[in-house]
Amino acid sequence: MAGILEQEMFNYFIQLNEAEKKTVVQMLKTFLKGRPAPEQNMSVEQYNKEIDEAIARVQAGDFYTQEQVEKMAKDF
């Protein structure tokens, strides 16, 4: 039985058009590929390093706005 969060995700997902669904699936794949393998434990140092790198990318302007993502989904 799916939990409340899973049901909410599904309810939103089914409202998307095909291009948007493909974008969301690709995003999920990217999240999962970026995870360490289950048997690997990330150290606090590695975690903090990755957070610092992400903050640096955002500060450098290396991110997409909501409007850009919506346009990409439509153009996909």
N, C-alpha and C. Protein backbone atom coordinates (compact mmCIF):
# COMPACT_ATOMS: atom_id res chain seq x y z
N MET A 1 0.85 -1.19 0.00
CA MET A 1 0.00 0.00 0.00
C MET A 1 0.89 1.24 0.00
N ALA A 2 0.58 2.16 -0.86
CA ALA A 2 1.37 3.38 -0.99
C ALA A 2 1.09 4.32 0.18
N GLY A 3 2.14 5.02 0.59
CA GLY A 3 1.98 6.00 1.65
C GLY A 3 1.34 7.28 1.13
N ILE A 4 1.09 8.18 2.03
CA ILE A 4 0.44 9.45 1.69
C ILE A 4 1.29 10.24 0.69
N LEU A 5 2.60 10.31 0.93
CA LEU A 5 3.47 11.05 0.03
C LEU A 5 3.48 10.45 -1.37
N GLU A 6 3.58 9.12 -1.44
CA GLU A 6 3.58 8.46 -2.73
C GLU A 6 2.27 8.71 -3.48
N GLN A 7 1.16 8.68 -2.77
CA GLN A 7 -0.14 8.93 -3.40
C GLN A 7 -0.22 10.37 -3.90
N GLU A 8 0.29 11.30 -3.11
CA GLU A 8 0.29 12.70 -3.52
C GLU A 8 1.15 12.89 -4.77
N MET A 9 2.33 12.25 -4.79
CA MET A 9 3.19 12.35 -5.97
C MET A 9 2.47 11.79 -7.19
N PHE A 10 1.84 10.64 -7.04
CA PHE A 10 1.12 10.03 -8.15
C PHE A 10 0.00 10.94 -8.65
N ASN A 11 -0.75 11.53 -7.71
CA ASN A 11 -1.86 12.40 -8.10
C ASN A 11 -1.38 13.60 -8.90
N TYR A 12 -0.22 14.15 -8.54
CA TYR A 12 0.33 15.25 -9.33
C TYR A 12 0.88 14.75 -10.66
N PHE A 13 1.57 13.62 -10.61
CA PHE A 13 2.22 13.09 -11.81
C PHE A 13 1.22 12.84 -12.93
N ILE A 14 0.07 12.28 -12.60
CA ILE A 14 -0.90 11.94 -13.64
C ILE A 14 -1.53 13.18 -14.27
N GLN A 15 -1.34 14.34 -13.66
CA GLN A 15 -1.87 15.58 -14.23
C GLN A 15 -0.91 16.20 -15.25
N LEU A 16 0.33 15.70 -15.32
CA LEU A 16 1.32 16.27 -16.23
C LEU A 16 1.11 15.79 -17.65
N ASN A 17 1.56 16.59 -18.62
CA ASN A 17 1.54 16.12 -20.00
C ASN A 17 2.76 15.21 -20.21
N GLU A 18 2.85 14.58 -21.35
CA GLU A 18 3.91 13.59 -21.60
C GLU A 18 5.31 14.20 -21.47
N ALA A 19 5.51 15.39 -22.01
CA ALA A 19 6.83 16.02 -21.93
C ALA A 19 7.20 16.30 -20.48
N GLU A 20 6.26 16.77 -19.70
CA GLU A 20 6.52 17.04 -18.29
C GLU A 20 6.82 15.75 -17.53
N LYS A 21 6.08 14.67 -17.86
CA LYS A 21 6.33 13.38 -17.21
C LYS A 21 7.75 12.91 -17.51
N LYS A 22 8.17 13.05 -18.77
CA LYS A 22 9.53 12.63 -19.13
C LYS A 22 10.57 13.43 -18.35
N THR A 23 10.33 14.71 -18.18
CA THR A 23 11.25 15.56 -17.44
C THR A 23 11.33 15.13 -15.98
N VAL A 24 10.19 14.85 -15.37
CA VAL A 24 10.17 14.42 -13.97
C VAL A 24 10.87 13.08 -13.82
N VAL A 25 10.63 12.15 -14.73
CA VAL A 25 11.29 10.85 -14.65
C VAL A 25 12.80 11.01 -14.79
N GLN A 26 13.23 11.86 -15.71
CA GLN A 26 14.67 12.09 -15.87
C GLN A 26 15.26 12.70 -14.60
N MET A 27 14.55 13.62 -13.99
CA MET A 27 15.00 14.23 -12.75
C MET A 27 15.16 13.17 -11.66
N LEU A 28 14.18 12.28 -11.54
CA LEU A 28 14.24 11.22 -10.54
C LEU A 28 15.43 10.30 -10.81
N LYS A 29 15.66 9.97 -12.08
CA LYS A 29 16.82 9.14 -12.43
C LYS A 29 18.11 9.82 -12.02
N THR A 30 18.19 11.13 -12.24
CA THR A 30 19.38 11.89 -11.87
C THR A 30 19.59 11.84 -10.36
N PHE A 31 18.54 12.01 -9.60
CA PHE A 31 18.64 11.92 -8.14
C PHE A 31 19.19 10.56 -7.73
N LEU A 32 18.64 9.50 -8.31
CA LEU A 32 19.03 8.16 -7.92
C LEU A 32 20.45 7.82 -8.36
N LYS A 33 20.86 8.30 -9.52
CA LYS A 33 22.23 8.05 -9.99
C LYS A 33 23.24 8.74 -9.10
N GLY A 34 22.87 9.86 -8.51
CA GLY A 34 23.79 10.62 -7.67
C GLY A 34 23.96 10.06 -6.28
N ARG A 35 23.16 9.09 -5.94
CA ARG A 35 23.24 8.49 -4.60
C ARG A 35 24.43 7.55 -4.51
N PRO A 36 25.03 7.52 -3.34
CA PRO A 36 26.04 6.47 -3.16
C PRO A 36 25.34 5.11 -3.10
N ALA A 37 26.05 4.07 -3.45
CA ALA A 37 25.49 2.73 -3.38
C ALA A 37 25.08 2.46 -1.93
N PRO A 38 24.04 1.68 -1.72
CA PRO A 38 23.54 1.45 -0.35
C PRO A 38 24.61 0.98 0.64
N GLU A 39 25.57 0.20 0.17
CA GLU A 39 26.58 -0.29 1.10
C GLU A 39 27.65 0.76 1.43
N GLN A 40 27.64 1.86 0.70
CA GLN A 40 28.60 2.92 0.97
C GLN A 40 28.00 3.94 1.93
N ASN A 41 28.74 4.31 2.91
CA ASN A 41 28.31 5.36 3.82
C ASN A 41 29.06 6.63 3.49
N MET A 42 28.34 7.71 3.35
CA MET A 42 28.98 8.98 3.07
C MET A 42 29.45 9.58 4.38
N SER A 43 30.67 10.04 4.36
CA SER A 43 31.21 10.67 5.57
C SER A 43 30.60 12.07 5.72
N VAL A 44 30.66 12.57 6.91
CA VAL A 44 30.19 13.93 7.17
C VAL A 44 31.00 14.91 6.32
N GLU A 45 32.29 14.64 6.19
CA GLU A 45 33.15 15.52 5.40
C GLU A 45 32.72 15.53 3.93
N GLN A 46 32.42 14.35 3.37
CA GLN A 46 31.98 14.27 1.98
C GLN A 46 30.64 14.96 1.81
N TYR A 47 29.73 14.74 2.74
CA TYR A 47 28.42 15.38 2.70
C TYR A 47 28.58 16.90 2.70
N ASN A 48 29.38 17.41 3.62
CA ASN A 48 29.60 18.86 3.71
C ASN A 48 30.26 19.39 2.44
N LYS A 49 31.19 18.63 1.88
CA LYS A 49 31.85 19.04 0.63
C LYS A 49 30.82 19.17 -0.49
N GLU A 50 29.94 18.19 -0.61
CA GLU A 50 28.92 18.24 -1.66
C GLU A 50 27.95 19.40 -1.45
N ILE A 51 27.59 19.67 -0.22
CA ILE A 51 26.73 20.82 0.08
C ILE A 51 27.43 22.11 -0.30
N ASP A 52 28.69 22.25 0.07
CA ASP A 52 29.46 23.45 -0.28
C ASP A 52 29.56 23.62 -1.80
N GLU A 53 29.78 22.51 -2.52
CA GLU A 53 29.84 22.58 -3.98
C GLU A 53 28.51 23.02 -4.57
N ALA A 54 27.41 22.51 -4.03
CA ALA A 54 26.08 22.89 -4.52
C ALA A 54 25.82 24.37 -4.26
N ILE A 55 26.18 24.84 -3.08
CA ILE A 55 26.00 26.26 -2.75
C ILE A 55 26.82 27.12 -3.69
N ALA A 56 28.05 26.70 -3.98
CA ALA A 56 28.91 27.45 -4.89
C ALA A 56 28.30 27.52 -6.29
N ARG A 57 27.70 26.41 -6.75
CA ARG A 57 27.06 26.41 -8.08
C ARG A 57 25.90 27.40 -8.11
N VAL A 58 25.10 27.41 -7.06
CA VAL A 58 23.96 28.33 -7.00
C VAL A 58 24.47 29.78 -6.97
N GLN A 59 25.47 30.04 -6.15
CA GLN A 59 26.02 31.40 -6.06
C GLN A 59 26.62 31.85 -7.38
N ALA A 60 27.13 30.90 -8.17
CA ALA A 60 27.71 31.22 -9.48
C ALA A 60 26.63 31.34 -10.56
N GLY A 61 25.38 31.12 -10.18
CA GLY A 61 24.29 31.23 -11.14
C GLY A 61 24.06 29.96 -11.95
N ASP A 62 24.65 28.86 -11.54
CA ASP A 62 24.54 27.59 -12.25
C ASP A 62 23.32 26.82 -11.75
N PHE A 63 22.14 27.29 -12.14
CA PHE A 63 20.89 26.64 -11.76
C PHE A 63 19.81 27.08 -12.74
N TYR A 64 18.68 26.39 -12.72
CA TYR A 64 17.54 26.73 -13.56
C TYR A 64 16.43 27.31 -12.69
N THR A 65 15.77 28.33 -13.21
CA THR A 65 14.61 28.88 -12.52
C THR A 65 13.40 28.00 -12.82
N GLN A 66 12.34 28.18 -12.06
CA GLN A 66 11.11 27.43 -12.29
C GLN A 66 10.60 27.68 -13.71
N GLU A 67 10.67 28.93 -14.15
CA GLU A 67 10.20 29.28 -15.48
C GLU A 67 11.02 28.56 -16.56
N GLN A 68 12.34 28.47 -16.35
CA GLN A 68 13.19 27.78 -17.32
C GLN A 68 12.85 26.29 -17.38
N VAL A 69 12.62 25.70 -16.24
CA VAL A 69 12.28 24.27 -16.21
C VAL A 69 10.94 24.03 -16.91
N GLU A 70 9.98 24.92 -16.66
CA GLU A 70 8.69 24.77 -17.33
C GLU A 70 8.82 24.90 -18.83
N LYS A 71 9.65 25.82 -19.30
CA LYS A 71 9.87 25.98 -20.73
C LYS A 71 10.57 24.75 -21.30
N MET A 72 11.57 24.24 -20.59
CA MET A 72 12.26 23.03 -21.05
C MET A 72 11.29 21.87 -21.15
N ALA A 73 10.39 21.76 -20.20
CA ALA A 73 9.41 20.67 -20.22
C ALA A 73 8.48 20.79 -21.43
N LYS A 74 8.10 22.01 -21.74
CA LYS A 74 7.23 22.23 -22.90
C LYS A 74 7.96 21.94 -24.20
N ASP A 75 9.25 22.29 -24.26
CA ASP A 75 10.04 22.10 -25.48
C ASP A 75 10.52 20.68 -25.65
N PHE A 76 10.41 19.87 -24.59
CA PHE A 76 10.93 18.52 -24.60
C PHE A 76 10.10 17.66 -25.47
